[in-house]
């Protein structure tokens, strides 16, 4: 009963925001994604039993589904090239789902919704008639959520709350996450697991580090806290993503904010390692991340890059195994194709096959071409600069994790760069047309609400 009540308490506000067409649905979706698993663990602990199919766990997918519907409803406001990008990506996922339904059953629906949800988030940011102030609020909401999750992560590192310890035992993660002792367990904070936690914190830290426009509170201290918590997860992918972002942002954008970026990044890493001698259990963390300097000798990293076992699966079945053939979805279906790689590109290739992969890569190529075109037009827009950075980061990050099934603010930023409002910055006449169209839409919405009353 408590689980159902909690589920409704989370979902009903989201439904109301969706029905009102409020831009706060993005803020709320971010908060649901970050905190739903922590809430679920509390409910399971209170009930005294672990429910692997908890309704609370699907609340982010439902919220992202509402966002996806908003994207489809306003699809026609997009320009020709952004439409092509989304159609190629959706065609690729559609193909993978058709194959997946036949081969993997319900698991395809589970994983397919994850793919569509991230595309829907990007699409919503592209079609939403939100100004820069609203878009900034979205990123700051993500920053606040990341800060709160990081603070809880530090609390979890020292205390290990009973509900978190209960979950670790029930899912059999003792050993994988370390010992259930203070400072001896890898942190996962309020997320599903430590890798998801590190990825979200790492990608969210990038805008906090590269521009004071997206700072939360005082700026520097909050960014340092977020980055420091990534170390506690013991997941190197989050640090790799953050470092790539802060390095690539000035490289791709003519040295923009390079001084600030270097200072904050050095401060965040320096403070952690300087204080490591005073942090219990820090020796194993330092040892773990020092391995980044010797990746050629790291079996875990090399195993993700060199997927000699996965290539035959692709070429022996060029049609693909369908969406739902890897990760958690594979465990649901029980098909056991042997696709155990954490490499995101390999997961995509095996799921979509050669036809779907070509469509997906085509969408990415058109996306990069469009972002580069906007840059050549001389458009001065922070979201365009950040989107180009995120795009390159994602290409690298996909070698260690499938970023296309995990929610992150990357999708908001890239979607914002595809918005008609960005191209309007290069054409004042087009901007006037957009403003007139939005004014007309607002008046129609007001008339509709008045009529219903």
Protein backbone atom coordinates (compact mmCIF):
# COMPACT_ATOMS: atom_id res chain seq x y z
CA UNK A 1 0.00 0.00 0.00
CA UNK A 2 2.80 2.43 0.92
CA UNK A 3 4.50 1.73 -2.40
CA UNK A 4 1.35 2.55 -4.38
CA UNK A 5 0.71 5.73 -2.39
CA UNK A 6 4.32 6.86 -2.90
CA UNK A 7 4.05 6.10 -6.62
CA UNK A 8 0.93 8.26 -6.94
CA UNK A 9 2.43 11.07 -4.88
CA UNK A 10 5.35 11.19 -7.33
CA UNK A 11 3.37 10.81 -10.56
CA UNK A 12 0.29 13.04 -9.96
CA UNK A 13 2.23 16.36 -9.81
CA UNK A 14 4.00 15.37 -13.04
CA UNK A 15 0.66 14.68 -14.74
CA UNK A 16 -0.66 18.07 -13.64
CA UNK A 17 2.44 19.83 -14.96
CA UNK A 18 2.09 17.99 -18.27
CA UNK A 19 -1.60 18.89 -18.62
CA UNK A 20 -0.81 22.54 -17.95
CA UNK A 21 2.04 22.53 -20.46
CA UNK A 22 4.36 23.88 -17.77
CA UNK A 23 8.10 24.08 -18.43
CA UNK A 24 8.57 22.99 -14.80
CA UNK A 25 7.91 19.44 -15.97
CA UNK A 26 11.61 19.30 -16.88
CA UNK A 27 12.70 20.43 -13.41
CA UNK A 28 10.37 17.90 -11.83
CA UNK A 29 11.56 15.08 -14.11
CA UNK A 30 15.17 15.80 -13.13
CA UNK A 31 14.29 15.56 -9.44
CA UNK A 32 12.33 12.33 -9.95
CA UNK A 33 15.25 10.74 -11.80
CA UNK A 34 17.81 11.72 -9.17
CA UNK A 35 15.84 10.81 -6.05
CA UNK A 36 13.37 8.04 -7.01
CA UNK A 37 15.70 5.12 -6.16
CA UNK A 38 16.53 6.59 -2.78
CA UNK A 39 12.81 6.90 -2.04
CA UNK A 40 12.23 3.35 -3.28
CA UNK A 41 14.90 2.00 -0.90
CA UNK A 42 13.27 3.78 2.03
CA UNK A 43 9.87 2.28 1.14
CA UNK A 44 11.29 -1.24 0.73
CA UNK A 45 13.12 -0.94 4.05
CA UNK A 46 9.94 0.23 5.79
CA UNK A 47 7.96 -2.66 4.23
CA UNK A 48 10.66 -5.12 5.29
CA UNK A 49 10.98 -6.69 1.84
CA UNK A 50 12.73 -5.87 -1.42
CA UNK A 51 10.48 -5.57 -4.48
CA UNK A 52 12.54 -5.94 -7.68
CA UNK A 53 9.59 -4.65 -9.74
CA UNK A 54 8.74 -1.65 -7.60
CA UNK A 55 6.37 0.89 -9.18
CA UNK A 56 8.56 3.66 -7.79
CA UNK A 57 11.42 2.53 -10.05
CA UNK A 58 9.43 3.29 -13.21
CA UNK A 59 8.47 6.83 -12.22
CA UNK A 60 11.35 8.40 -14.23
CA UNK A 61 10.27 6.50 -17.36
CA UNK A 62 6.67 7.67 -16.91
CA UNK A 63 7.79 11.28 -16.45
CA UNK A 64 10.05 11.08 -19.50
CA UNK A 65 7.15 9.52 -21.39
CA UNK A 66 5.05 12.61 -20.64
CA UNK A 67 7.91 14.77 -21.87
CA UNK A 68 8.13 12.63 -25.03
CA UNK A 69 4.44 13.24 -25.74
CA UNK A 70 5.00 16.99 -25.43
CA UNK A 71 7.82 16.68 -27.97
CA UNK A 72 5.68 14.79 -30.49
CA UNK A 73 2.78 17.22 -30.07
CA UNK A 74 4.97 20.16 -31.10
CA UNK A 75 7.25 18.36 -33.57
CA UNK A 76 6.31 20.62 -36.50
CA UNK A 77 7.89 23.73 -34.96
CA UNK A 78 11.32 22.29 -35.77
CA UNK A 79 13.35 23.27 -38.81
CA UNK A 80 14.07 20.86 -41.66
CA UNK A 81 17.49 19.66 -40.48
CA UNK A 82 16.51 19.10 -36.80
CA UNK A 83 13.50 17.13 -38.04
CA UNK A 84 15.82 14.93 -40.08
CA UNK A 85 17.97 14.29 -37.00
CA UNK A 86 15.05 13.15 -34.88
CA UNK A 87 13.48 11.09 -37.66
CA UNK A 88 16.74 9.20 -38.23
CA UNK A 89 17.17 8.50 -34.51
CA UNK A 90 13.53 7.47 -34.08
CA UNK A 91 13.71 5.25 -37.19
CA UNK A 92 16.76 3.49 -35.74
CA UNK A 93 15.06 2.88 -32.38
CA UNK A 94 11.84 1.88 -34.16
CA UNK A 95 13.73 -0.72 -36.18
CA UNK A 96 15.43 -2.06 -33.05
CA UNK A 97 12.09 -2.31 -31.26
CA UNK A 98 10.46 -4.19 -34.14
CA UNK A 99 13.23 -6.80 -34.01
CA UNK A 100 13.21 -6.72 -30.20
CA UNK A 101 9.48 -7.36 -29.85
CA UNK A 102 9.84 -10.53 -31.89
CA UNK A 103 12.97 -11.76 -30.10
CA UNK A 104 12.91 -10.33 -26.58
CA UNK A 105 9.28 -9.70 -25.74
CA UNK A 106 8.51 -7.40 -22.80
CA UNK A 107 12.20 -6.63 -22.23
CA UNK A 108 12.11 -4.69 -25.49
CA UNK A 109 9.39 -2.39 -24.12
CA UNK A 110 11.43 -1.77 -20.97
CA UNK A 111 14.68 -0.85 -22.76
CA UNK A 112 12.95 0.78 -25.74
CA UNK A 113 11.23 3.22 -23.41
CA UNK A 114 14.67 4.20 -22.06
CA UNK A 115 15.96 5.01 -25.55
CA UNK A 116 12.80 6.94 -26.50
CA UNK A 117 12.80 8.80 -23.19
CA UNK A 118 16.24 10.33 -23.75
CA UNK A 119 15.35 11.29 -27.34
CA UNK A 120 12.09 12.75 -26.03
CA UNK A 121 13.97 14.87 -23.48
CA UNK A 122 16.19 16.23 -26.24
CA UNK A 123 13.15 16.80 -28.42
CA UNK A 124 11.19 18.61 -25.72
CA UNK A 125 14.07 21.02 -25.15
CA UNK A 126 14.15 21.62 -28.91
CA UNK A 127 10.43 22.36 -29.39
CA UNK A 128 9.67 24.10 -26.09
CA UNK A 129 9.11 27.86 -26.56
CA UNK A 130 11.24 28.56 -23.48
CA UNK A 131 13.58 31.52 -23.21
CA UNK A 132 17.20 31.31 -22.09
CA UNK A 133 16.21 32.11 -18.51
CA UNK A 134 14.00 29.02 -18.39
CA UNK A 135 16.68 26.82 -19.97
CA UNK A 136 19.17 28.13 -17.40
CA UNK A 137 16.72 27.17 -14.66
CA UNK A 138 16.67 23.58 -15.98
CA UNK A 139 20.44 23.29 -15.74
CA UNK A 140 20.53 24.91 -12.31
CA UNK A 141 17.87 22.49 -11.09
CA UNK A 142 20.11 19.66 -12.25
CA UNK A 143 23.01 21.33 -10.46
CA UNK A 144 21.06 21.58 -7.20
CA UNK A 145 19.96 17.95 -7.51
CA UNK A 146 23.57 16.89 -8.15
CA UNK A 147 24.74 18.88 -5.13
CA UNK A 148 22.14 17.29 -2.84
CA UNK A 149 22.98 13.83 -4.18
CA UNK A 150 26.69 14.51 -3.62
CA UNK A 151 26.09 15.64 -0.04
CA UNK A 152 24.04 12.51 0.60
CA UNK A 153 26.85 10.53 -1.02
CA UNK A 154 29.32 11.81 1.58
CA UNK A 155 26.82 10.97 4.33
CA UNK A 156 26.42 7.49 2.85
CA UNK A 157 30.21 7.07 2.73
CA UNK A 158 30.55 7.62 6.47
CA UNK A 159 27.26 6.30 7.83
CA UNK A 160 25.73 3.74 5.39
CA UNK A 161 22.06 4.25 6.31
CA UNK A 162 20.10 1.11 7.21
CA UNK A 163 17.87 1.34 4.11
CA UNK A 164 20.90 1.49 1.81
CA UNK A 165 22.58 -1.43 3.59
CA UNK A 166 19.31 -3.38 3.31
CA UNK A 167 19.22 -2.82 -0.46
CA UNK A 168 22.89 -3.78 -0.95
CA UNK A 169 22.28 -7.11 0.81
CA UNK A 170 19.03 -7.85 -1.03
CA UNK A 171 20.48 -7.31 -4.52
CA UNK A 172 23.67 -9.19 -3.72
CA UNK A 173 26.03 -6.23 -4.11
CA UNK A 174 28.11 -6.96 -1.01
CA UNK A 175 31.61 -7.36 -2.35
CA UNK A 176 30.88 -5.58 -5.64
CA UNK A 177 30.36 -2.33 -3.72
CA UNK A 178 32.89 -3.22 -1.04
CA UNK A 179 32.23 -3.93 2.61
CA UNK A 180 29.17 -2.70 4.48
CA UNK A 181 31.38 -0.70 6.79
CA UNK A 182 31.92 3.03 7.16
CA UNK A 183 34.31 4.37 4.44
CA UNK A 184 34.69 0.85 2.97
CA UNK A 185 31.74 0.90 0.57
CA UNK A 186 31.54 2.49 -2.88
CA UNK A 187 28.96 5.28 -2.89
CA UNK A 188 25.85 5.15 -5.09
CA UNK A 189 23.97 7.97 -3.31
CA UNK A 190 20.30 8.18 -4.40
CA UNK A 191 20.83 6.44 -7.75
CA UNK A 192 20.26 2.93 -9.07
CA UNK A 193 23.97 2.07 -8.81
CA UNK A 194 27.39 3.72 -8.63
CA UNK A 195 27.97 3.96 -12.39
CA UNK A 196 24.74 5.88 -12.97
CA UNK A 197 25.59 8.14 -10.03
CA UNK A 198 29.08 8.92 -11.36
CA UNK A 199 27.80 9.55 -14.90
CA UNK A 200 25.09 11.98 -13.79
CA UNK A 201 27.40 13.88 -11.44
CA UNK A 202 30.22 13.99 -13.99
CA UNK A 203 28.07 15.32 -16.84
CA UNK A 204 26.23 17.77 -14.58
CA UNK A 205 29.54 19.10 -13.27
CA UNK A 206 30.62 20.18 -16.77
CA UNK A 207 28.34 23.24 -17.11
CA UNK A 208 28.99 24.11 -13.45
CA UNK A 209 32.71 24.16 -14.18
CA UNK A 210 32.85 25.83 -17.60
CA UNK A 211 30.63 28.89 -17.02
CA UNK A 212 29.47 30.96 -14.07
CA UNK A 213 26.15 31.30 -15.94
CA UNK A 214 25.16 27.85 -14.63
CA UNK A 215 26.70 28.03 -11.20
CA UNK A 216 24.68 26.92 -8.19
CA UNK A 217 24.94 29.14 -5.13
CA UNK A 218 28.52 30.32 -4.70
CA UNK A 219 29.75 28.30 -7.68
CA UNK A 220 33.22 26.99 -6.76
CA UNK A 221 32.41 25.13 -3.50
CA UNK A 222 29.37 23.38 -4.98
CA UNK A 223 31.31 22.21 -8.04
CA UNK A 224 34.07 20.87 -5.80
CA UNK A 225 31.55 18.91 -3.69
CA UNK A 226 29.94 17.36 -6.79
CA UNK A 227 33.28 16.33 -8.30
CA UNK A 228 34.59 15.00 -4.98
CA UNK A 229 31.61 12.66 -4.63
CA UNK A 230 32.45 11.07 -8.00
CA UNK A 231 35.66 9.79 -6.43
CA UNK A 232 33.63 8.11 -3.68
CA UNK A 233 31.71 6.07 -6.28
CA UNK A 234 34.98 4.46 -7.44
CA UNK A 235 33.57 4.74 -10.99
CA UNK A 236 36.25 6.30 -13.17
CA UNK A 237 33.83 6.99 -16.03
CA UNK A 238 32.37 10.00 -14.20
CA UNK A 239 35.79 11.61 -13.74
CA UNK A 240 36.68 10.84 -17.38
CA UNK A 241 33.48 12.57 -18.54
CA UNK A 242 34.05 15.65 -16.36
CA UNK A 243 37.71 15.97 -17.38
CA UNK A 244 36.88 15.56 -21.06
CA UNK A 245 34.20 18.23 -20.78
CA UNK A 246 36.35 20.84 -19.10
CA UNK A 247 39.23 20.20 -21.52
CA UNK A 248 37.16 20.09 -24.71
CA UNK A 249 34.95 23.12 -23.96
CA UNK A 250 37.72 25.72 -24.48
CA UNK A 251 39.30 23.66 -27.29
CA UNK A 252 36.06 23.55 -29.28
CA UNK A 253 35.11 27.14 -28.46
CA UNK A 254 38.25 29.17 -29.15
CA UNK A 255 39.61 29.08 -25.61
CA UNK A 256 36.38 30.34 -24.05
CA UNK A 257 36.54 30.55 -20.22
CA UNK A 258 39.75 28.49 -20.24
CA UNK A 259 41.23 30.34 -17.24
CA UNK A 260 38.20 29.77 -15.03
CA UNK A 261 37.94 26.14 -16.10
CA UNK A 262 41.55 25.33 -15.29
CA UNK A 263 41.38 27.03 -11.90
CA UNK A 264 38.20 25.25 -10.75
CA UNK A 265 39.18 21.85 -12.14
CA UNK A 266 42.61 22.02 -10.49
CA UNK A 267 41.00 23.24 -7.28
CA UNK A 268 38.48 20.38 -7.18
CA UNK A 269 41.03 17.64 -7.81
CA UNK A 270 43.72 19.31 -5.70
CA UNK A 271 41.52 19.72 -2.63
CA UNK A 272 40.41 16.10 -2.75
CA UNK A 273 43.89 14.66 -3.04
CA UNK A 274 45.32 17.14 -0.51
CA UNK A 275 42.65 16.12 1.98
CA UNK A 276 42.88 12.42 1.14
CA UNK A 277 45.32 11.78 3.97
CA UNK A 278 42.65 12.93 6.42
CA UNK A 279 39.76 10.98 4.84
CA UNK A 280 39.38 7.42 6.16
CA UNK A 281 39.55 4.86 3.37
CA UNK A 282 40.94 7.38 0.89
CA UNK A 283 43.97 5.23 0.09
CA UNK A 284 41.90 2.75 -1.93
CA UNK A 285 40.18 5.64 -3.76
CA UNK A 286 43.51 7.22 -4.68
CA UNK A 287 44.83 3.86 -5.86
CA UNK A 288 41.72 3.32 -7.97
CA UNK A 289 41.95 6.66 -9.77
CA UNK A 290 45.70 6.58 -10.18
CA UNK A 291 45.04 3.71 -12.59
CA UNK A 292 43.79 6.35 -15.05
CA UNK A 293 47.45 7.11 -15.68
CA UNK A 294 48.04 3.48 -16.76
CA UNK A 295 44.94 2.57 -18.76
CA UNK A 296 46.93 0.39 -21.15
CA UNK A 297 47.57 -1.95 -18.22
CA UNK A 298 44.03 -1.83 -16.83
CA UNK A 299 42.12 -5.05 -17.61
CA UNK A 300 38.70 -3.51 -16.88
CA UNK A 301 39.23 -0.57 -19.23
CA UNK A 302 40.82 -2.66 -21.98
CA UNK A 303 37.95 -5.12 -21.73
CA UNK A 304 35.51 -2.39 -22.67
CA UNK A 305 37.61 -1.09 -25.55
CA UNK A 306 38.64 -4.44 -27.03
CA UNK A 307 35.41 -6.31 -27.66
CA UNK A 308 36.74 -9.22 -29.68
CA UNK A 309 33.93 -11.43 -28.35
CA UNK A 310 31.19 -9.01 -29.40
CA UNK A 311 32.15 -8.39 -33.04
CA UNK A 312 31.21 -11.95 -34.14
CA UNK A 313 27.76 -11.43 -32.60
CA UNK A 314 27.26 -8.41 -34.87
CA UNK A 315 28.48 -9.94 -38.12
CA UNK A 316 26.87 -13.33 -37.54
CA UNK A 317 23.49 -11.64 -37.12
CA UNK A 318 23.48 -8.39 -39.18
CA UNK A 319 19.75 -7.94 -38.60
CA UNK A 320 20.50 -7.43 -34.90
CA UNK A 321 19.25 -8.98 -31.68
CA UNK A 322 16.78 -6.18 -31.07
CA UNK A 323 16.36 -3.72 -28.26
CA UNK A 324 16.08 -5.56 -24.95
CA UNK A 325 19.00 -7.88 -25.69
CA UNK A 326 21.52 -6.41 -23.24
CA UNK A 327 21.88 -5.02 -19.72
CA UNK A 328 18.97 -5.18 -17.29
CA UNK A 329 16.53 -5.87 -20.14
CA UNK A 330 18.45 -9.04 -21.07
CA UNK A 331 18.10 -10.26 -17.47
CA UNK A 332 14.34 -9.62 -17.66
CA UNK A 333 13.91 -11.57 -20.90
CA UNK A 334 16.33 -14.34 -19.96
CA UNK A 335 17.44 -14.67 -23.59
CA UNK A 336 21.15 -14.74 -22.65
CA UNK A 337 22.66 -13.80 -26.02
CA UNK A 338 26.03 -13.35 -24.35
CA UNK A 339 26.09 -9.56 -24.84
CA UNK A 340 27.78 -8.68 -21.57
CA UNK A 341 29.85 -5.72 -22.72
CA UNK A 342 29.53 -2.36 -20.94
CA UNK A 343 30.66 -0.71 -24.17
CA UNK A 344 27.73 1.44 -25.30
CA UNK A 345 28.66 1.26 -28.99
CA UNK A 346 28.67 -2.54 -28.86
CA UNK A 347 25.29 -2.56 -27.12
CA UNK A 348 23.87 -0.32 -29.84
CA UNK A 349 25.38 -2.33 -32.68
CA UNK A 350 24.14 -5.69 -31.39
CA UNK A 351 20.66 -4.35 -30.62
CA UNK A 352 20.11 -2.35 -33.83
CA UNK A 353 22.04 -4.54 -36.23
CA UNK A 354 23.65 -3.05 -39.31
CA UNK A 355 20.46 -1.34 -40.70
CA UNK A 356 19.54 0.31 -37.40
CA UNK A 357 23.13 1.26 -36.62
CA UNK A 358 23.49 3.02 -39.97
CA UNK A 359 20.32 5.01 -39.29
CA UNK A 360 21.51 5.92 -35.80
CA UNK A 361 24.99 6.95 -36.93
CA UNK A 362 23.38 8.92 -39.75
CA UNK A 363 21.38 10.87 -37.18
CA UNK A 364 24.53 11.61 -35.19
CA UNK A 365 26.39 12.75 -38.32
CA UNK A 366 23.57 15.10 -39.30
CA UNK A 367 23.48 16.40 -35.72
CA UNK A 368 27.19 17.23 -35.69
CA UNK A 369 26.93 18.75 -39.17
CA UNK A 370 24.09 21.00 -38.02
CA UNK A 371 25.87 22.10 -34.84
CA UNK A 372 29.02 22.85 -36.87
CA UNK A 373 26.97 24.84 -39.36
CA UNK A 374 25.49 26.98 -36.60
CA UNK A 375 29.00 27.56 -35.28
CA UNK A 376 30.26 28.62 -38.73
CA UNK A 377 27.39 31.09 -38.98
CA UNK A 378 28.97 32.86 -36.03
CA UNK A 379 26.07 32.29 -33.64
CA UNK A 380 27.11 33.31 -30.14
CA UNK A 381 25.18 30.99 -27.86
CA UNK A 382 26.41 29.22 -24.72
CA UNK A 383 24.10 26.27 -25.33
CA UNK A 384 25.56 25.72 -28.78
CA UNK A 385 29.07 25.77 -27.29
CA UNK A 386 28.08 23.34 -24.55
CA UNK A 387 26.19 21.06 -26.97
CA UNK A 388 29.27 20.68 -29.17
CA UNK A 389 31.27 19.76 -26.08
CA UNK A 390 28.71 17.23 -24.88
CA UNK A 391 28.54 15.65 -28.34
CA UNK A 392 32.26 14.88 -28.41
CA UNK A 393 32.23 13.76 -24.76
CA UNK A 394 29.41 11.32 -25.55
CA UNK A 395 31.36 9.76 -28.43
CA UNK A 396 34.17 8.90 -26.01
CA UNK A 397 31.97 8.07 -23.01
CA UNK A 398 30.03 5.51 -25.08
CA UNK A 399 33.09 3.25 -25.05
CA UNK A 400 32.55 2.65 -21.32
CA UNK A 401 28.77 3.02 -20.91
CA UNK A 402 25.58 3.36 -22.96
CA UNK A 403 24.78 7.04 -22.56
CA UNK A 404 21.74 6.81 -24.82
CA UNK A 405 19.64 4.92 -22.25
CA UNK A 406 20.59 7.03 -19.24
CA UNK A 407 19.03 10.38 -18.47
CA UNK A 408 21.50 13.26 -18.32
CA UNK A 409 21.45 17.01 -18.84
CA UNK A 410 23.37 16.42 -22.07
CA UNK A 411 20.04 15.78 -23.77
CA UNK A 412 18.61 19.09 -22.54
CA UNK A 413 21.62 21.02 -23.80
CA UNK A 414 21.75 19.37 -27.23
CA UNK A 415 18.00 19.79 -27.61
CA UNK A 416 18.29 23.47 -26.75
CA UNK A 417 20.91 23.88 -29.48
CA UNK A 418 18.40 22.41 -31.98
CA UNK A 419 15.73 24.90 -30.94
CA UNK A 420 14.53 27.43 -33.54
CA UNK A 421 15.49 30.13 -31.05
CA UNK A 422 19.19 29.38 -31.57
CA UNK A 423 19.13 29.71 -35.36
CA UNK A 424 17.03 32.85 -34.88
CA UNK A 425 20.06 34.51 -33.32
CA UNK A 426 21.63 34.58 -36.78
CA UNK A 427 18.50 35.93 -38.49
CA UNK A 428 16.65 38.86 -36.83
CA UNK A 429 13.72 38.49 -39.24
CA UNK A 430 13.25 34.84 -38.28
CA UNK A 431 13.35 35.87 -34.63
CA UNK A 432 10.43 38.23 -35.17
CA UNK A 433 8.45 35.45 -36.85
CA UNK A 434 9.11 33.15 -33.89
CA UNK A 435 8.05 35.77 -31.37
CA UNK A 436 4.84 36.42 -33.29
CA UNK A 437 4.11 32.69 -33.48
CA UNK A 438 4.65 32.27 -29.72
CA UNK A 439 2.44 35.25 -28.94
CA UNK A 440 -0.32 33.72 -31.06
CA UNK A 441 0.10 30.33 -29.34
CA UNK A 442 -0.05 31.98 -25.92
CA UNK A 443 -3.25 33.84 -26.79
CA UNK A 444 -4.87 30.63 -28.06
CA UNK A 445 -3.90 28.82 -24.88
CA UNK A 446 -5.35 31.64 -22.77
CA UNK A 447 -8.58 31.53 -24.80
CA UNK A 448 -8.81 27.75 -24.36
CA UNK A 449 -8.36 28.00 -20.58
CA UNK A 450 -10.94 30.80 -20.35
CA UNK A 451 -13.46 28.78 -22.37
CA UNK A 452 -13.04 25.76 -20.12
CA UNK A 453 -13.66 27.90 -17.09
